[in-house]
PDB file of N, CA and C in Angstrom:
ATOM      1  N   MET A   1      -6.844 -20.043  -9.225  1.00  0.00           N
ATOM      2  CA  MET A   1      -6.970 -18.839  -8.455  1.00  0.00           C
ATOM      3  C   MET A   1      -6.417 -17.684  -9.294  1.00  0.00           C
ATOM      4  N   VAL A   2      -7.121 -16.602  -9.289  1.00  0.00           N
ATOM      5  CA  VAL A   2      -6.667 -15.395  -9.972  1.00  0.00           C
ATOM      6  C   VAL A   2      -6.569 -14.294  -8.930  1.00  0.00           C
ATOM      7  N   LEU A   3      -5.387 -13.740  -8.781  1.00  0.00           N
ATOM      8  CA  LEU A   3      -5.163 -12.619  -7.874  1.00  0.00           C
ATOM      9  C   LEU A   3      -5.024 -11.363  -8.730  1.00  0.00           C
ATOM     10  N   ILE A   4      -5.714 -10.316  -8.355  1.00  0.00           N
ATOM     11  CA  ILE A   4      -5.703  -9.074  -9.127  1.00  0.00           C
ATOM     12  C   ILE A   4      -5.153  -7.951  -8.266  1.00  0.00           C
ATOM     13  N   TYR A   5      -4.181  -7.233  -8.813  1.00  0.00           N
ATOM     14  CA  TYR A   5      -3.641  -6.039  -8.154  1.00  0.00           C
ATOM     15  C   TYR A   5      -3.506  -4.952  -9.215  1.00  0.00           C
ATOM     16  N   ILE A   6      -4.341  -3.967  -9.161  1.00  0.00           N
ATOM     17  CA  ILE A   6      -4.431  -2.858 -10.106  1.00  0.00           C
ATOM     18  C   ILE A   6      -4.582  -3.417 -11.523  1.00  0.00           C
ATOM     19  N   ASP A   7      -3.519  -3.413 -12.336  1.00  0.00           N
ATOM     20  CA  ASP A   7      -3.636  -3.915 -13.707  1.00  0.00           C
ATOM     21  C   ASP A   7      -2.826  -5.195 -13.918  1.00  0.00           C
ATOM     22  N   ASN A   8      -2.541  -5.897 -12.841  1.00  0.00           N
ATOM     23  CA  ASN A   8      -1.779  -7.143 -12.911  1.00  0.00           C
ATOM     24  C   ASN A   8      -2.633  -8.316 -12.461  1.00  0.00           C
ATOM     25  N   LEU A   9      -2.490  -9.429 -13.157  1.00  0.00           N
ATOM     26  CA  LEU A   9      -3.166 -10.662 -12.777  1.00  0.00           C
ATOM     27  C   LEU A   9      -2.108 -11.709 -12.475  1.00  0.00           C
ATOM     28  N   ILE A  10      -2.327 -12.448 -11.429  1.00  0.00           N
ATOM     29  CA  ILE A  10      -1.501 -13.603 -11.127  1.00  0.00           C
ATOM     30  C   ILE A  10      -2.439 -14.797 -11.184  1.00  0.00           C
ATOM     31  N   ILE A  11      -2.113 -15.729 -12.074  1.00  0.00           N
ATOM     32  CA  ILE A  11      -2.948 -16.914 -12.258  1.00  0.00           C
ATOM     33  C   ILE A  11      -2.177 -18.109 -11.728  1.00  0.00           C
ATOM     34  N   THR A  12      -2.780 -18.841 -10.822  1.00  0.00           N
ATOM     35  CA  THR A  12      -2.113 -20.005 -10.245  1.00  0.00           C
ATOM     36  C   THR A  12      -3.131 -21.102  -9.973  1.00  0.00           C
ATOM     37  N   GLY A  13      -2.652 -22.290  -9.799  1.00  0.00           N
ATOM     38  CA  GLY A  13      -3.519 -23.415  -9.486  1.00  0.00           C
ATOM     39  C   GLY A  13      -2.808 -24.726  -9.743  1.00  0.00           C
ATOM     40  N   ASP A  14      -3.510 -25.812  -9.482  1.00  0.00           N
ATOM     41  CA  ASP A  14      -2.910 -27.127  -9.682  1.00  0.00           C
ATOM     42  C   ASP A  14      -3.415 -27.828 -10.941  1.00  0.00           C
ATOM     43  N   ASN A  15      -4.183 -27.105 -11.772  1.00  0.00           N
ATOM     44  CA  ASN A  15      -4.716 -27.672 -13.006  1.00  0.00           C
ATOM     45  C   ASN A  15      -4.157 -26.869 -14.186  1.00  0.00           C
ATOM     46  N   ASN A  16      -3.079 -27.379 -14.776  1.00  0.00           N
ATOM     47  CA  ASN A  16      -2.422 -26.657 -15.868  1.00  0.00           C
ATOM     48  C   ASN A  16      -3.331 -26.450 -17.074  1.00  0.00           C
ATOM     49  N   ALA A  17      -4.204 -27.392 -17.362  1.00  0.00           N
ATOM     50  CA  ALA A  17      -5.125 -27.249 -18.489  1.00  0.00           C
ATOM     51  C   ALA A  17      -6.084 -26.085 -18.260  1.00  0.00           C
ATOM     52  N   ALA A  18      -6.588 -25.947 -17.049  1.00  0.00           N
ATOM     53  CA  ALA A  18      -7.502 -24.843 -16.723  1.00  0.00           C
ATOM     54  C   ALA A  18      -6.777 -23.505 -16.806  1.00  0.00           C
ATOM     55  N   ILE A  19      -5.527 -23.456 -16.349  1.00  0.00           N
ATOM     56  CA  ILE A  19      -4.742 -22.222 -16.429  1.00  0.00           C
ATOM     57  C   ILE A  19      -4.519 -21.840 -17.882  1.00  0.00           C
ATOM     58  N   THR A  20      -4.140 -22.808 -18.700  1.00  0.00           N
ATOM     59  CA  THR A  20      -3.911 -22.560 -20.124  1.00  0.00           C
ATOM     60  C   THR A  20      -5.185 -22.083 -20.798  1.00  0.00           C
ATOM     61  N   ASN A  21      -6.312 -22.697 -20.472  1.00  0.00           N
ATOM     62  CA  ASN A  21      -7.584 -22.298 -21.057  1.00  0.00           C
ATOM     63  C   ASN A  21      -7.954 -20.872 -20.646  1.00  0.00           C
ATOM     64  N   LEU A  22      -7.757 -20.538 -19.377  1.00  0.00           N
ATOM     65  CA  LEU A  22      -8.052 -19.174 -18.912  1.00  0.00           C
ATOM     66  C   LEU A  22      -7.179 -18.156 -19.645  1.00  0.00           C
ATOM     67  N   LYS A  23      -5.905 -18.449 -19.800  1.00  0.00           N
ATOM     68  CA  LYS A  23      -5.012 -17.549 -20.529  1.00  0.00           C
ATOM     69  C   LYS A  23      -5.473 -17.366 -21.968  1.00  0.00           C
ATOM     70  N   ARG A  24      -5.907 -18.459 -22.597  1.00  0.00           N
ATOM     71  CA  ARG A  24      -6.394 -18.391 -23.982  1.00  0.00           C
ATOM     72  C   ARG A  24      -7.594 -17.461 -24.084  1.00  0.00           C
ATOM     73  N   VAL A  25      -8.528 -17.592 -23.147  1.00  0.00           N
ATOM     74  CA  VAL A  25      -9.718 -16.728 -23.135  1.00  0.00           C
ATOM     75  C   VAL A  25      -9.308 -15.269 -22.935  1.00  0.00           C
ATOM     76  N   LEU A  26      -8.399 -15.015 -22.022  1.00  0.00           N
ATOM     77  CA  LEU A  26      -7.957 -13.641 -21.757  1.00  0.00           C
ATOM     78  C   LEU A  26      -7.258 -13.039 -22.972  1.00  0.00           C
ATOM     79  N   TYR A  27      -6.422 -13.845 -23.656  1.00  0.00           N
ATOM     80  CA  TYR A  27      -5.749 -13.369 -24.871  1.00  0.00           C
ATOM     81  C   TYR A  27      -6.758 -12.964 -25.943  1.00  0.00           C
ATOM     82  N   GLN A  28      -7.883 -13.666 -26.021  1.00  0.00           N
ATOM     83  CA  GLN A  28      -8.905 -13.356 -27.024  1.00  0.00           C
ATOM     84  C   GLN A  28      -9.668 -12.081 -26.696  1.00  0.00           C
ATOM     85  N   LYS A  29      -9.792 -11.758 -25.417  1.00  0.00           N
ATOM     86  CA  LYS A  29     -10.600 -10.609 -24.990  1.00  0.00           C
ATOM     87  C   LYS A  29      -9.791  -9.335 -24.766  1.00  0.00           C
ATOM     88  N   PHE A  30      -8.527  -9.479 -24.362  1.00  0.00           N
ATOM     89  CA  PHE A  30      -7.723  -8.330 -23.952  1.00  0.00           C
ATOM     90  C   PHE A  30      -6.325  -8.389 -24.565  1.00  0.00           C
ATOM     91  N   ILE A  31      -5.682  -7.251 -24.588  1.00  0.00           N
ATOM     92  CA  ILE A  31      -4.273  -7.195 -24.970  1.00  0.00           C
ATOM     93  C   ILE A  31      -3.473  -7.467 -23.692  1.00  0.00           C
ATOM     94  N   ILE A  32      -2.876  -8.634 -23.628  1.00  0.00           N
ATOM     95  CA  ILE A  32      -2.129  -9.011 -22.428  1.00  0.00           C
ATOM     96  C   ILE A  32      -0.786  -9.612 -22.827  1.00  0.00           C
ATOM     97  N   LYS A  33       0.107  -9.681 -21.861  1.00  0.00           N
ATOM     98  CA  LYS A  33       1.369 -10.380 -22.082  1.00  0.00           C
ATOM     99  C   LYS A  33       1.672 -11.246 -20.870  1.00  0.00           C
ATOM    100  N   ASN A  34       2.304 -12.356 -21.134  1.00  0.00           N
ATOM    101  CA  ASN A  34       2.668 -13.304 -20.089  1.00  0.00           C
ATOM    102  C   ASN A  34       4.092 -12.998 -19.650  1.00  0.00           C
ATOM    103  N   LEU A  35       4.288 -12.666 -18.397  1.00  0.00           N
ATOM    104  CA  LEU A  35       5.611 -12.343 -17.885  1.00  0.00           C
ATOM    105  C   LEU A  35       6.341 -13.556 -17.325  1.00  0.00           C
ATOM    106  N   GLY A  36       5.738 -14.733 -17.468  1.00  0.00           N
ATOM    107  CA  GLY A  36       6.400 -15.953 -17.033  1.00  0.00           C
ATOM    108  C   GLY A  36       6.170 -16.254 -15.569  1.00  0.00           C
ATOM    109  N   VAL A  37       7.084 -17.029 -15.020  1.00  0.00           N
ATOM    110  CA  VAL A  37       6.973 -17.463 -13.630  1.00  0.00           C
ATOM    111  C   VAL A  37       7.138 -16.262 -12.699  1.00  0.00           C
ATOM    112  N   LEU A  38       6.266 -16.174 -11.714  1.00  0.00           N
ATOM    113  CA  LEU A  38       6.288 -15.080 -10.745  1.00  0.00           C
ATOM    114  C   LEU A  38       7.528 -15.169  -9.870  1.00  0.00           C
ATOM    115  N   LYS A  39       8.286 -14.068  -9.804  1.00  0.00           N
ATOM    116  CA  LYS A  39       9.487 -14.023  -8.969  1.00  0.00           C
ATOM    117  C   LYS A  39       9.363 -12.970  -7.873  1.00  0.00           C
ATOM    118  N   TYR A  40       8.763 -11.836  -8.189  1.00  0.00           N
ATOM    119  CA  TYR A  40       8.582 -10.760  -7.211  1.00  0.00           C
ATOM    120  C   TYR A  40       7.168 -10.208  -7.313  1.00  0.00           C
ATOM    121  N   LEU A  41       6.614  -9.836  -6.186  1.00  0.00           N
ATOM    122  CA  LEU A  41       5.305  -9.209  -6.125  1.00  0.00           C
ATOM    123  C   LEU A  41       5.333  -8.192  -4.999  1.00  0.00           C
ATOM    124  N   LEU A  42       5.187  -6.915  -5.336  1.00  0.00           N
ATOM    125  CA  LEU A  42       5.165  -5.844  -4.350  1.00  0.00           C
ATOM    126  C   LEU A  42       6.390  -5.883  -3.433  1.00  0.00           C
ATOM    127  N   GLY A  43       7.541  -6.195  -4.011  1.00  0.00           N
ATOM    128  CA  GLY A  43       8.776  -6.223  -3.250  1.00  0.00           C
ATOM    129  C   GLY A  43       9.013  -7.504  -2.471  1.00  0.00           C
ATOM    130  N   ILE A  44       8.120  -8.456  -2.621  1.00  0.00           N
ATOM    131  CA  ILE A  44       8.262  -9.733  -1.928  1.00  0.00           C
ATOM    132  C   ILE A  44       8.732 -10.778  -2.931  1.00  0.00           C
ATOM    133  N   GLU A  45       9.799 -11.495  -2.576  1.00  0.00           N
ATOM    134  CA  GLU A  45      10.306 -12.549  -3.449  1.00  0.00           C
ATOM    135  C   GLU A  45       9.431 -13.791  -3.281  1.00  0.00           C
ATOM    136  N   ILE A  46       9.073 -14.399  -4.413  1.00  0.00           N
ATOM    137  CA  ILE A  46       8.270 -15.610  -4.421  1.00  0.00           C
ATOM    138  C   ILE A  46       9.164 -16.751  -4.896  1.00  0.00           C
ATOM    139  N   ALA A  47       9.333 -17.773  -4.076  1.00  0.00           N
ATOM    140  CA  ALA A  47      10.173 -18.919  -4.427  1.00  0.00           C
ATOM    141  C   ALA A  47       9.319 -20.182  -4.425  1.00  0.00           C
ATOM    142  N   PRO A  48       9.040 -20.732  -5.611  1.00  0.00           N
ATOM    143  CA  PRO A  48       8.218 -21.943  -5.652  1.00  0.00           C
ATOM    144  C   PRO A  48       9.004 -23.175  -5.221  1.00  0.00           C
ATOM    145  N   SER A  49       8.293 -24.075  -4.588  1.00  0.00           N
ATOM    146  CA  SER A  49       8.833 -25.370  -4.206  1.00  0.00           C
ATOM    147  C   SER A  49       7.753 -26.391  -4.557  1.00  0.00           C
ATOM    148  N   HIS A  50       8.024 -27.642  -4.349  1.00  0.00           N
ATOM    149  CA  HIS A  50       7.040 -28.674  -4.678  1.00  0.00           C
ATOM    150  C   HIS A  50       5.764 -28.464  -3.864  1.00  0.00           C
ATOM    151  N   LYS A  51       4.691 -28.068  -4.551  1.00  0.00           N
ATOM    152  CA  LYS A  51       3.366 -27.842  -3.965  1.00  0.00           C
ATOM    153  C   LYS A  51       3.305 -26.714  -2.944  1.00  0.00           C
ATOM    154  N   LYS A  52       4.338 -25.863  -2.876  1.00  0.00           N
ATOM    155  CA  LYS A  52       4.333 -24.759  -1.923  1.00  0.00           C
ATOM    156  C   LYS A  52       4.939 -23.517  -2.559  1.00  0.00           C
ATOM    157  N   LEU A  53       4.594 -22.371  -1.998  1.00  0.00           N
ATOM    158  CA  LEU A  53       5.226 -21.111  -2.364  1.00  0.00           C
ATOM    159  C   LEU A  53       5.833 -20.517  -1.102  1.00  0.00           C
ATOM    160  N   PHE A  54       7.068 -20.069  -1.206  1.00  0.00           N
ATOM    161  CA  PHE A  54       7.722 -19.406  -0.078  1.00  0.00           C
ATOM    162  C   PHE A  54       7.848 -17.924  -0.396  1.00  0.00           C
ATOM    163  N   PHE A  55       7.459 -17.097   0.545  1.00  0.00           N
ATOM    164  CA  PHE A  55       7.528 -15.650   0.404  1.00  0.00           C
ATOM    165  C   PHE A  55       8.598 -15.125   1.353  1.00  0.00           C
ATOM    166  N   ASN A  56       9.477 -14.248   0.841  1.00  0.00           N
ATOM    167  CA  ASN A  56      10.440 -13.627   1.745  1.00  0.00           C
ATOM    168  C   ASN A  56      10.748 -12.215   1.280  1.00  0.00           C
ATOM    169  N   GLN A  57      11.289 -11.437   2.174  1.00  0.00           N
ATOM    170  CA  GLN A  57      11.630 -10.051   1.881  1.00  0.00           C
ATOM    171  C   GLN A  57      13.136  -9.828   2.042  1.00  0.00           C
ATOM    172  N   ARG A  58      13.927 -10.800   1.646  1.00  0.00           N
ATOM    173  CA  ARG A  58      15.377 -10.727   1.789  1.00  0.00           C
ATOM    174  C   ARG A  58      15.947  -9.488   1.097  1.00  0.00           C
ATOM    175  N   LYS A  59      15.548  -9.274  -0.161  1.00  0.00           N
ATOM    176  CA  LYS A  59      16.068  -8.121  -0.907  1.00  0.00           C
ATOM    177  C   LYS A  59      15.688  -6.815  -0.216  1.00  0.00           C
ATOM    178  N   TYR A  60      14.468  -6.719   0.260  1.00  0.00           N
ATOM    179  CA  TYR A  60      14.001  -5.520   0.959  1.00  0.00           C
ATOM    180  C   TYR A  60      14.844  -5.273   2.207  1.00  0.00           C
ATOM    181  N   MET A  61      15.094  -6.317   2.975  1.00  0.00           N
ATOM    182  CA  MET A  61      15.895  -6.182   4.196  1.00  0.00           C
ATOM    183  C   MET A  61      17.347  -5.790   3.871  1.00  0.00           C
ATOM    184  N   LEU A  62      17.916  -6.386   2.838  1.00  0.00           N
ATOM    185  CA  LEU A  62      19.288  -6.029   2.457  1.00  0.00           C
ATOM    186  C   LEU A  62      19.364  -4.570   2.022  1.00  0.00           C
ATOM    187  N   ASP A  63      18.356  -4.111   1.289  1.00  0.00           N
ATOM    188  CA  ASP A  63      18.314  -2.696   0.873  1.00  0.00           C
ATOM    189  C   ASP A  63      18.219  -1.773   2.091  1.00  0.00           C
ATOM    190  N   LEU A  64      17.416  -2.164   3.076  1.00  0.00           N
ATOM    191  CA  LEU A  64      17.288  -1.368   4.295  1.00  0.00           C
ATOM    192  C   LEU A  64      18.621  -1.297   5.056  1.00  0.00           C
ATOM    193  N   LEU A  65      19.294  -2.441   5.149  1.00  0.00           N
ATOM    194  CA  LEU A  65      20.564  -2.497   5.878  1.00  0.00           C
ATOM    195  C   LEU A  65      21.664  -1.720   5.158  1.00  0.00           C
ATOM    196  N   HIS A  66      21.570  -1.694   3.839  1.00  0.00           N
ATOM    197  CA  HIS A  66      22.589  -0.976   3.046  1.00  0.00           C
ATOM    198  C   HIS A  66      22.467   0.520   3.302  1.00  0.00           C
TER     199      HIS A  66
END
């Protein structure tokens, strides 16, 4: 799965070989950089677990309360 938001791509899936191949193709066509494992997206914290992703806005709520 590829999620696109403006000039950002998030690539995810359960086939690591396919993800690696897609990244290789993108590197050949475009100037890109890999930012590593996704931790935040639009102010939402992303916490991976076994076969699941958990989304929370803890930091956003703490900032609001502060």
